[in-house]
Protein backbone atom coordinates (compact mmCIF):
# COMPACT_ATOMS: atom_id res chain seq x y z
CA MET A 1 0.00 0.00 0.00
CA ALA A 2 0.87 3.68 0.01
CA LEU A 3 -0.73 6.13 2.41
CA VAL A 4 -2.51 9.10 0.85
CA ILE A 5 -2.56 12.30 2.97
CA ALA A 6 -5.75 14.14 2.01
CA GLY A 7 -7.75 17.09 3.33
CA ASP A 8 -11.37 18.12 3.31
CA ARG A 9 -10.19 21.37 1.67
CA SER A 10 -7.04 23.39 1.03
CA GLY A 11 -5.17 24.91 3.96
CA VAL A 12 -6.00 22.28 6.57
CA GLY A 13 -2.40 21.17 7.15
CA LYS A 14 -1.83 18.34 4.63
CA THR A 15 1.72 19.48 3.91
CA THR A 16 2.62 19.82 7.59
CA VAL A 17 1.28 16.34 8.34
CA ALA A 18 2.97 14.75 5.32
CA LEU A 19 6.30 16.45 6.08
CA ALA A 20 6.09 15.48 9.76
CA LEU A 21 5.54 11.82 8.83
CA ASN A 22 8.38 11.99 6.29
CA ALA A 23 10.76 13.66 8.76
CA ALA A 24 9.98 11.24 11.60
CA LEU A 25 10.45 8.17 9.42
CA THR A 26 13.64 9.53 7.86
CA ALA A 27 15.08 10.35 11.29
CA ARG A 28 14.53 6.69 12.24
CA GLY A 29 16.61 5.59 9.26
CA GLN A 30 13.61 4.51 7.20
CA ARG A 31 13.70 4.71 3.40
CA VAL A 32 10.74 6.90 2.45
CA GLN A 33 9.47 7.52 -1.06
CA THR A 34 7.18 10.52 -1.35
CA PHE A 35 4.77 11.57 -4.06
CA LYS A 36 2.68 14.71 -4.59
CA VAL A 37 -0.69 14.74 -6.33
CA GLY A 38 -1.05 17.40 -9.01
CA PRO A 39 1.31 19.80 -10.77
CA ASP A 40 2.77 21.49 -7.67
CA TYR A 41 6.56 22.03 -7.58
CA ILE A 42 7.23 23.50 -4.13
CA ASP A 43 5.81 20.82 -1.83
CA PRO A 44 7.95 18.19 -3.61
CA LEU A 45 11.03 20.35 -2.96
CA PHE A 46 10.29 20.17 0.78
CA HIS A 47 9.81 16.41 0.71
CA THR A 48 13.04 16.02 -1.24
CA ALA A 49 14.92 18.23 1.23
CA ILE A 50 13.48 16.46 4.28
CA GLY A 51 13.75 12.88 3.04
CA GLY A 52 16.78 13.14 0.76
CA ARG A 53 15.01 11.32 -2.08
CA PRO A 54 13.32 13.00 -5.10
CA CYS A 55 9.59 13.45 -4.61
CA ARG A 56 7.53 12.47 -7.66
CA ASN A 57 4.41 14.18 -9.03
CA LEU A 58 1.32 12.07 -9.69
CA ASP A 59 -0.81 14.01 -12.16
CA ALA A 60 -3.57 12.14 -13.98
CA VAL A 61 -4.20 15.13 -16.28
CA LEU A 62 -0.62 15.70 -17.40
CA THR A 63 0.22 11.97 -17.65
CA SER A 64 -2.09 8.92 -17.46
CA ALA A 65 -3.44 6.26 -15.12
CA ASP A 66 -0.96 3.68 -16.43
CA TYR A 67 1.92 6.11 -15.95
CA ILE A 68 0.90 6.80 -12.35
CA ARG A 69 0.70 3.11 -11.46
CA ALA A 70 4.09 2.47 -13.06
CA CYS A 71 5.66 5.49 -11.39
CA VAL A 72 4.51 4.48 -7.91
CA GLY A 73 5.38 0.83 -8.41
CA TYR A 74 8.84 1.52 -9.78
CA HIS A 75 9.93 4.13 -7.24
CA SER A 76 8.46 2.25 -4.28
CA GLN A 77 10.84 -0.66 -4.78
CA GLY A 78 13.07 -1.19 -1.75
CA MET A 79 11.29 1.45 0.31
CA ASP A 80 10.18 1.07 3.92
CA ALA A 81 7.36 3.59 3.60
CA VAL A 82 5.45 5.38 0.83
CA LEU A 83 3.66 8.70 1.36
CA ILE A 84 1.42 10.47 -1.14
CA GLU A 85 0.51 14.07 -0.32
CA GLY A 86 -2.79 15.10 -1.85
CA VAL A 87 -3.92 18.33 -3.44
CA MET A 88 -6.75 20.70 -2.42
CA GLY A 89 -9.80 18.88 -1.01
CA LEU A 90 -10.06 15.12 -1.44
CA PHE A 91 -12.51 15.27 -4.36
CA ASP A 92 -11.36 18.54 -6.00
CA GLY A 93 -10.10 17.91 -9.52
CA ARG A 94 -9.89 19.54 -12.89
CA GLY A 95 -12.60 22.09 -13.59
CA GLY A 96 -14.65 21.13 -10.56
CA SER A 97 -14.62 17.45 -11.53
CA ASP A 98 -12.96 14.45 -9.89
CA GLU A 99 -10.32 14.16 -12.66
CA GLY A 100 -6.81 14.49 -11.28
CA SER A 101 -8.04 14.80 -7.70
CA THR A 102 -6.54 13.11 -4.66
CA ALA A 103 -9.50 10.73 -4.69
CA HIS A 104 -8.75 9.87 -8.33
CA ILE A 105 -5.17 8.91 -7.45
CA ALA A 106 -6.20 6.95 -4.33
CA ARG A 107 -8.74 5.04 -6.42
CA LEU A 108 -6.19 4.22 -9.13
CA LEU A 109 -3.76 2.86 -6.54
CA GLN A 110 -6.38 1.36 -4.20
CA ALA A 111 -4.51 3.21 -1.45
CA PRO A 112 -5.81 4.04 2.05
CA ILE A 113 -6.48 7.68 2.92
CA LEU A 114 -5.52 9.64 6.02
CA LEU A 115 -7.95 12.58 6.15
CA VAL A 116 -6.56 15.80 7.70
CA LEU A 117 -9.11 18.15 9.27
CA ASP A 118 -8.71 21.69 10.61
CA VAL A 119 -10.95 21.49 13.68
CA GLN A 120 -10.17 24.82 15.32
CA LYS A 121 -13.73 26.13 14.85
CA GLN A 122 -15.81 23.03 15.38
CA ALA A 123 -16.57 20.25 17.85
CA ALA A 124 -19.54 17.87 17.39
CA SER A 125 -19.95 18.98 13.77
CA VAL A 126 -16.74 17.17 12.89
CA ALA A 127 -18.68 13.90 12.98
CA ALA A 128 -21.00 14.99 10.17
CA LEU A 129 -18.01 16.07 8.09
CA VAL A 130 -16.16 12.79 8.56
CA TYR A 131 -19.33 10.76 7.99
CA GLY A 132 -19.87 12.53 4.69
CA PHE A 133 -16.32 11.97 3.47
CA CYS A 134 -16.43 8.29 4.45
CA HIS A 135 -19.70 7.62 2.61
CA TYR A 136 -19.50 9.95 -0.40
CA ASP A 137 -17.46 7.42 -2.41
CA PRO A 138 -17.67 3.86 -1.03
CA SER A 139 -14.79 2.75 -3.28
CA LEU A 140 -12.36 4.80 -1.16
CA GLN A 141 -10.88 3.64 2.14
CA ILE A 142 -10.69 6.37 4.79
CA ALA A 143 -8.25 4.64 7.13
CA GLY A 144 -8.31 7.37 9.76
CA VAL A 145 -8.25 11.07 10.47
CA VAL A 146 -5.77 13.62 11.78
CA LEU A 147 -7.22 16.45 13.86
CA ASN A 148 -5.20 19.60 13.30
CA ARG A 149 -5.21 22.83 15.33
CA VAL A 150 -6.90 21.30 18.37
CA ALA A 151 -7.31 24.02 21.03
CA GLY A 152 -6.57 21.87 24.10
CA ASP A 153 -7.43 18.71 26.01
CA ARG A 154 -11.07 19.68 26.56
CA HIS A 155 -11.50 20.36 22.84
CA ARG A 156 -9.80 17.04 22.03
CA GLN A 157 -12.20 15.16 24.34
CA MET A 158 -15.21 16.71 22.62
CA LEU A 159 -13.87 15.76 19.19
CA GLU A 160 -13.10 12.21 20.30
CA ALA A 161 -16.59 11.81 21.74
CA ALA A 162 -18.18 13.10 18.53
CA LEU A 163 -16.18 10.73 16.32
CA ALA A 164 -16.39 7.62 18.51
CA PRO A 165 -19.77 6.37 17.13
CA LEU A 166 -18.37 6.43 13.57
CA GLY A 167 -15.59 3.96 14.34
CA VAL A 168 -13.09 6.00 12.29
CA PRO A 169 -9.69 5.92 14.03
CA ILE A 170 -8.06 9.17 15.10
CA LEU A 171 -4.47 8.55 13.99
CA GLY A 172 -3.03 11.94 14.84
CA ILE A 173 -3.72 15.02 16.94
CA LEU A 174 -1.86 18.28 16.41
CA TYR A 175 -2.52 21.00 18.96
CA ARG A 176 -2.79 24.58 17.83
CA ASP A 177 0.46 25.65 19.48
CA GLN A 178 2.30 22.82 17.75
CA ALA A 179 1.42 24.00 14.26
CA LEU A 180 4.36 24.86 12.05
CA ALA A 181 3.81 27.99 10.00
CA LEU A 182 5.84 27.62 6.82
CA PRO A 183 6.59 31.02 5.19
CA SER A 184 4.86 31.72 1.89
CA ARG A 185 4.73 34.25 -0.95
CA HIS A 186 2.80 34.78 -4.18
CA LEU A 187 3.28 31.29 -5.73
CA GLY A 188 2.99 29.33 -2.48
CA LEU A 189 5.52 28.28 0.12
CA VAL A 190 8.98 29.83 0.14
CA PRO A 191 11.22 27.03 -1.23
CA PRO A 192 13.27 25.12 1.35
CA HIS A 193 16.71 26.19 0.14
CA GLU A 194 15.81 29.83 0.93
CA LEU A 195 15.14 28.99 4.58
CA ALA A 196 18.10 29.66 6.85
CA ASP A 197 16.82 27.24 9.50
CA LEU A 198 15.86 24.30 7.26
CA HIS A 199 17.76 21.82 9.46
CA ARG A 200 15.95 23.12 12.54
CA LEU A 201 12.64 22.90 10.70
CA GLY A 202 13.40 19.27 9.87
CA ASP A 203 14.08 18.54 13.54
CA ARG A 204 10.83 20.20 14.59
CA LEU A 205 8.88 18.27 11.98
CA ALA A 206 10.45 14.99 13.12
CA HIS A 207 9.53 15.76 16.74
CA LEU A 208 5.99 16.59 15.67
CA GLY A 209 5.79 13.34 13.75
CA ASN A 210 7.15 11.24 16.59
CA THR A 211 4.82 12.66 19.24
CA CYS A 212 1.51 13.34 17.49
CA PHE A 213 0.63 10.14 15.60
CA GLU A 214 -0.58 6.63 16.40
CA TRP A 215 2.36 4.82 14.85
CA GLU A 216 1.19 1.29 15.65
CA ARG A 217 -1.84 1.85 13.45
CA LEU A 218 -0.08 4.02 10.87
CA THR A 219 2.93 1.82 10.13
CA PRO A 220 1.05 -0.97 8.31
CA LEU A 221 -0.60 1.64 6.06
CA LEU A 222 2.77 2.99 4.94
CA ALA A 223 4.07 -0.23 3.39
CA PRO A 224 4.99 0.04 -0.32
CA ALA A 225 2.32 -0.68 -2.89
CA ILE A 226 2.41 -4.03 -4.65
CA LEU A 227 2.40 -2.76 -8.22
CA PRO A 228 4.28 -3.52 -11.45
CA SER A 229 7.89 -2.38 -11.06
CA ALA A 230 8.96 -1.59 -14.63
CA PRO A 231 10.17 2.00 -15.26
CA PRO A 232 7.32 4.41 -16.06
CA PHE A 233 8.84 5.14 -19.48
CA ALA A 234 10.30 2.45 -21.74
CA VAL A 235 13.28 4.13 -23.42
CA SER A 236 16.97 3.43 -23.91
CA PRO A 237 19.99 5.75 -24.41
CA ARG A 238 20.13 7.10 -27.95
CA TRP A 239 21.92 10.42 -27.79
CA SER A 240 25.16 11.56 -26.21
CA VAL A 241 24.37 15.18 -25.51
CA THR A 242 25.11 17.55 -22.64
CA LEU A 243 22.36 19.80 -21.33
CA GLY A 244 22.64 22.74 -18.98
CA ILE A 245 19.79 22.74 -16.46
CA ALA A 246 19.19 26.11 -14.78
CA GLN A 247 19.06 25.21 -11.09
CA ASP A 248 19.30 27.91 -8.44
CA ALA A 249 16.97 30.04 -6.34
CA ALA A 250 15.52 31.68 -9.47
CA PHE A 251 14.97 28.49 -11.52
CA LEU A 252 13.97 25.37 -9.62
CA PHE A 253 10.65 24.03 -10.96
CA TYR A 254 11.31 20.67 -12.58
CA TYR A 255 9.44 17.38 -12.47
CA ALA A 256 11.87 14.72 -11.28
CA ASP A 257 10.59 12.31 -13.93
CA THR A 258 11.44 14.76 -16.71
CA LEU A 259 15.08 14.88 -15.63
CA ASP A 260 15.14 11.09 -15.23
CA LEU A 261 13.78 10.65 -18.75
CA LEU A 262 16.44 12.89 -20.28
CA GLN A 263 19.15 10.90 -18.53
CA ALA A 264 17.57 7.60 -19.56
CA LEU A 265 17.76 8.81 -23.18
CA GLY A 266 21.50 9.42 -22.79
CA ALA A 267 21.70 13.10 -21.85
CA THR A 268 24.25 14.35 -19.34
CA LEU A 269 22.68 17.02 -17.14
CA VAL A 270 24.90 19.85 -15.89
CA PRO A 271 23.48 22.29 -13.30
CA VAL A 272 23.99 25.93 -14.24
CA SER A 273 23.13 29.06 -12.26
CA PRO A 274 22.02 32.22 -14.07
CA LEU A 275 22.30 33.90 -10.67
CA SER A 276 25.91 33.09 -9.80
CA ASP A 277 27.76 31.46 -12.72
CA ALA A 278 30.01 33.77 -14.70
CA HIS A 279 29.11 32.06 -17.98
CA LEU A 280 27.68 28.92 -19.48
CA PRO A 281 30.03 25.94 -19.33
CA ASP A 282 31.67 24.84 -22.58
CA GLY A 283 30.39 21.89 -24.54
CA LEU A 284 26.64 22.29 -24.01
CA ASP A 285 24.25 21.07 -26.69
CA GLY A 286 21.18 22.60 -25.08
CA VAL A 287 19.86 24.53 -22.09
CA ILE A 288 16.63 24.05 -20.16
CA LEU A 289 15.30 27.07 -18.25
CA GLY A 290 12.57 25.83 -15.91
CA GLY A 291 10.06 27.78 -13.91
CA GLY A 292 10.80 29.52 -10.65
CA PHE A 293 11.09 33.04 -9.31
CA PRO A 294 13.03 35.22 -11.77
CA GLU A 295 10.82 38.14 -10.70
CA VAL A 296 12.05 37.80 -7.09
CA PHE A 297 15.69 37.69 -8.17
CA ALA A 298 15.44 40.07 -11.14
CA PRO A 299 18.09 42.53 -9.82
CA GLU A 300 20.65 39.75 -9.36
CA LEU A 301 19.84 38.14 -12.72
CA ALA A 302 20.10 41.48 -14.52
CA ALA A 303 23.41 42.23 -12.79
CA ASN A 304 25.05 39.01 -13.99
CA HIS A 305 26.07 40.55 -17.32
CA SER A 306 28.65 37.94 -18.23
CA PHE A 307 26.21 35.04 -17.93
CA LEU A 308 23.55 36.90 -19.92
CA GLU A 309 26.06 37.61 -22.66
CA SER A 310 27.31 34.02 -22.79
CA LEU A 311 23.72 32.77 -23.13
CA ARG A 312 22.98 35.30 -25.89
CA GLN A 313 26.06 34.17 -27.81
CA ALA A 314 25.18 30.51 -27.34
CA ILE A 315 21.65 31.10 -28.66
CA GLN A 316 23.05 32.94 -31.67
CA GLY A 317 25.33 29.97 -32.20
CA GLY A 318 22.38 27.60 -32.44
CA LEU A 319 22.15 26.20 -28.90
CA ALA A 320 18.84 24.36 -28.34
CA ILE A 321 16.74 26.18 -25.72
CA TYR A 322 13.67 25.02 -23.81
CA ALA A 323 12.10 27.61 -21.48
CA GLU A 324 8.82 27.47 -19.57
CA CYS A 325 7.17 30.14 -17.40
CA GLY A 326 10.07 31.62 -15.40
CA GLY A 327 12.43 30.62 -18.19
CA LEU A 328 10.17 32.45 -20.65
CA LEU A 329 10.43 35.61 -18.54
CA TYR A 330 14.22 35.28 -18.44
CA LEU A 331 14.42 35.17 -22.25
CA SER A 332 12.31 38.34 -22.59
CA GLN A 333 13.67 41.86 -22.95
CA GLY A 334 13.25 42.32 -19.22
CA ILE A 335 10.95 42.26 -16.18
CA GLN A 336 8.84 45.18 -14.97
CA THR A 337 8.09 44.70 -11.27
CA LEU A 338 4.98 45.76 -9.37
CA GLU A 339 7.08 48.56 -7.84
CA GLY A 340 7.77 49.93 -11.33
CA ASN A 341 11.41 48.85 -11.53
CA TYR A 342 12.68 47.48 -14.84
CA TYR A 343 15.45 44.88 -15.12
CA PRO A 344 16.86 43.98 -18.57
CA LEU A 345 17.46 40.28 -19.17
CA VAL A 346 18.47 38.03 -22.11
CA GLY A 347 16.48 39.92 -24.76
CA GLN A 348 15.92 36.91 -27.01
CA LEU A 349 12.15 37.46 -27.22
CA PRO A 350 10.58 40.76 -28.39
CA THR A 351 8.41 41.20 -25.32
CA VAL A 352 8.57 42.61 -21.79
CA ALA A 353 7.32 40.65 -18.77
CA HIS A 354 5.12 42.67 -16.40
CA MET A 355 4.34 41.47 -12.90
CA GLY A 356 0.64 41.75 -12.06
CA GLN A 357 -1.73 40.92 -9.23
CA LYS A 358 -4.02 38.58 -11.18
CA LEU A 359 -3.24 34.87 -10.93
CA THR A 360 -3.46 32.80 -14.11
CA LEU A 361 -3.94 29.20 -12.98
CA GLY A 362 -5.22 25.95 -14.40
CA TYR A 363 -4.81 23.01 -16.72
CA ARG A 364 -4.76 23.78 -20.42
CA GLN A 365 -5.25 21.64 -23.50
CA THR A 366 -4.02 23.17 -26.72
CA THR A 367 -2.81 22.21 -30.18
CA ALA A 368 0.48 23.42 -31.59
CA VAL A 369 0.38 25.39 -34.84
CA GLN A 370 4.12 26.04 -35.08
CA THR A 371 7.28 24.02 -34.76
CA SER A 372 9.43 24.28 -31.63
CA VAL A 373 12.49 22.44 -30.41
CA CYS A 374 10.22 19.79 -28.83
CA ILE A 375 6.74 20.26 -30.35
CA GLN A 376 5.47 19.79 -33.90
CA PRO A 377 2.39 21.36 -35.55
CA GLY A 378 -0.71 19.34 -34.79
CA ASP A 379 0.57 18.03 -31.46
CA THR A 380 -2.12 18.16 -28.79
CA VAL A 381 -0.62 19.18 -25.48
CA GLN A 382 -1.86 19.00 -21.89
CA GLY A 383 -0.08 21.50 -19.66
CA HIS A 384 -0.51 23.69 -16.62
CA GLU A 385 -0.29 27.46 -16.05
CA PHE A 386 0.54 29.17 -12.75
CA HIS A 387 1.81 32.75 -12.89
CA TYR A 388 1.08 36.36 -11.97
CA SER A 389 2.98 37.93 -14.85
CA TYR A 390 1.83 38.89 -18.34
CA LEU A 391 3.68 39.80 -21.53
CA SER A 392 3.48 42.96 -23.60
CA GLY A 393 2.23 42.08 -27.04
CA SER A 394 1.81 38.69 -28.70
CA PRO A 395 4.19 36.57 -30.75
CA PRO A 396 3.64 37.16 -34.49
CA MET A 397 3.70 33.38 -35.15
CA PRO A 398 2.62 31.79 -31.85
CA LEU A 399 3.04 28.18 -30.84
CA TRP A 400 -0.63 27.87 -29.85
CA GLN A 401 -3.61 29.57 -28.24
CA LEU A 402 -3.84 29.80 -24.45
CA ASN A 403 -6.96 31.25 -22.85
CA GLY A 404 -8.05 32.33 -26.31
CA GLN A 405 -4.86 34.32 -26.90
CA PRO A 406 -1.83 33.59 -29.11
CA GLU A 407 1.06 32.43 -26.90
CA GLY A 408 4.52 30.94 -27.09
CA TRP A 409 7.60 31.34 -29.24
CA GLY A 410 9.10 28.47 -31.18
CA ASN A 411 11.47 27.39 -33.91
CA PRO A 412 13.57 24.24 -34.43
CA ARG A 413 16.06 25.52 -31.81
CA LEU A 414 13.69 27.20 -29.32
CA HIS A 415 10.61 26.58 -27.20
CA ALA A 416 9.40 29.34 -24.84
CA SER A 417 5.94 29.29 -23.24
CA TYR A 418 4.05 29.83 -20.00
CA LEU A 419 2.82 26.24 -20.20
CA HIS A 420 4.43 23.71 -17.82
CA LEU A 421 4.75 20.29 -19.47
CA HIS A 422 5.39 16.86 -17.92
CA TRP A 423 7.86 15.18 -20.27
CA GLY A 424 7.93 11.99 -18.20
CA GLY A 425 4.43 11.14 -19.39
CA HIS A 426 5.23 12.16 -22.99
CA PRO A 427 8.71 10.90 -23.96
CA GLN A 428 8.26 12.07 -27.55
CA TRP A 429 8.83 15.67 -26.44
CA ALA A 430 12.15 14.81 -24.79
CA ILE A 431 13.17 12.69 -27.79
CA ARG A 432 12.55 15.56 -30.20
CA PHE A 433 14.43 18.01 -27.96
CA LEU A 434 17.46 15.72 -27.84
CA GLN A 435 17.27 15.15 -31.58
CA GLN A 436 17.43 18.88 -32.14
CA ALA A 437 20.10 19.41 -29.49
CA ALA A 438 22.25 16.78 -31.19
CA LYS A 439 21.38 18.35 -34.56
CA VAL A 440 19.84 15.07 -35.68
CA GLY A 441 16.53 14.69 -37.44
């Protein structure tokens, strides 16, 4: 099995509970494989930092049911425990449906669910809530609940009395003063590598995990799932290419499976930092600029003139470039912040990125009308958008339409778009990118 950490809604403490379980198990020397439902990048970074093993995304919209089963089965091999952190409320999926929801993933894997509830403003009513979640979909197994933000012993006793007739085990109790407030900003939690006290946070999470859960009942639920163990993508090395992967505080949003796929196809991945490296390393065949926070680090990025110039020269020399969201902003003429400051950047794209206060968020299905370094005309693409910025003007020959507007730049050596793609579930995109990087095809 694999234990799914779900919530009745967003903001109830799923991440805190999942991280506390991960930290406590890791501190005991257990091998823990973590997964995150949905397209989120930041929660997986925390699980990776706490557990020391890459956290994998399980997204039924961006990949497929078969891919999810294979991913969990393959990466659960040799593990002592498997944790799956859910997304939003248990049944909240794409467009108000169940598709891609935590329930969808639990159903695919036939995995038990630990339901996290924020009970700070209720007592007896919690029974009605739990009853509803347990009976709404009889195919799901609610193995127990965690009561978060309990006010004190008297409050706990009232909650226990209310839930007792249901026979649903209470497998964890977190008191209000034990809650860990993780710092956040406009795209979610502040990433772990920006926290000066990450080690201390890990210790606090481990203590929380060790003292707040019913481990005798939890441990059997954490055993690895018995699923097929073949790799989620059936590929073999074909290209000997070297790719620079932008990885620093400004560029850090990558699906672990995407990087695994590139390596499985023969690529050597070299971390590069647009923030601190003086220039691109020699011998690169391509560069991938993932999402992240270029708007937060715009002054530092703009000040690294030598790296910007080396990237410009490499692009002019035909280097294959893939950029999504934050990477798209970095390739623009520059970023205009909310405060009105302007920071010039690579200048490869004839557009300026403006930071706004309106969030663009959601899954997108679109069809390519132009060629890019990884996409061909006619390709139907499932992706995800999550950004506050917008661009001045539209590309004259866009890759596709997003939200009814022309979007994306592309040619046989370039792909730049707001759309986040999961290459692990679509190896053809990685194959085409490597073909172009190797100048084959």
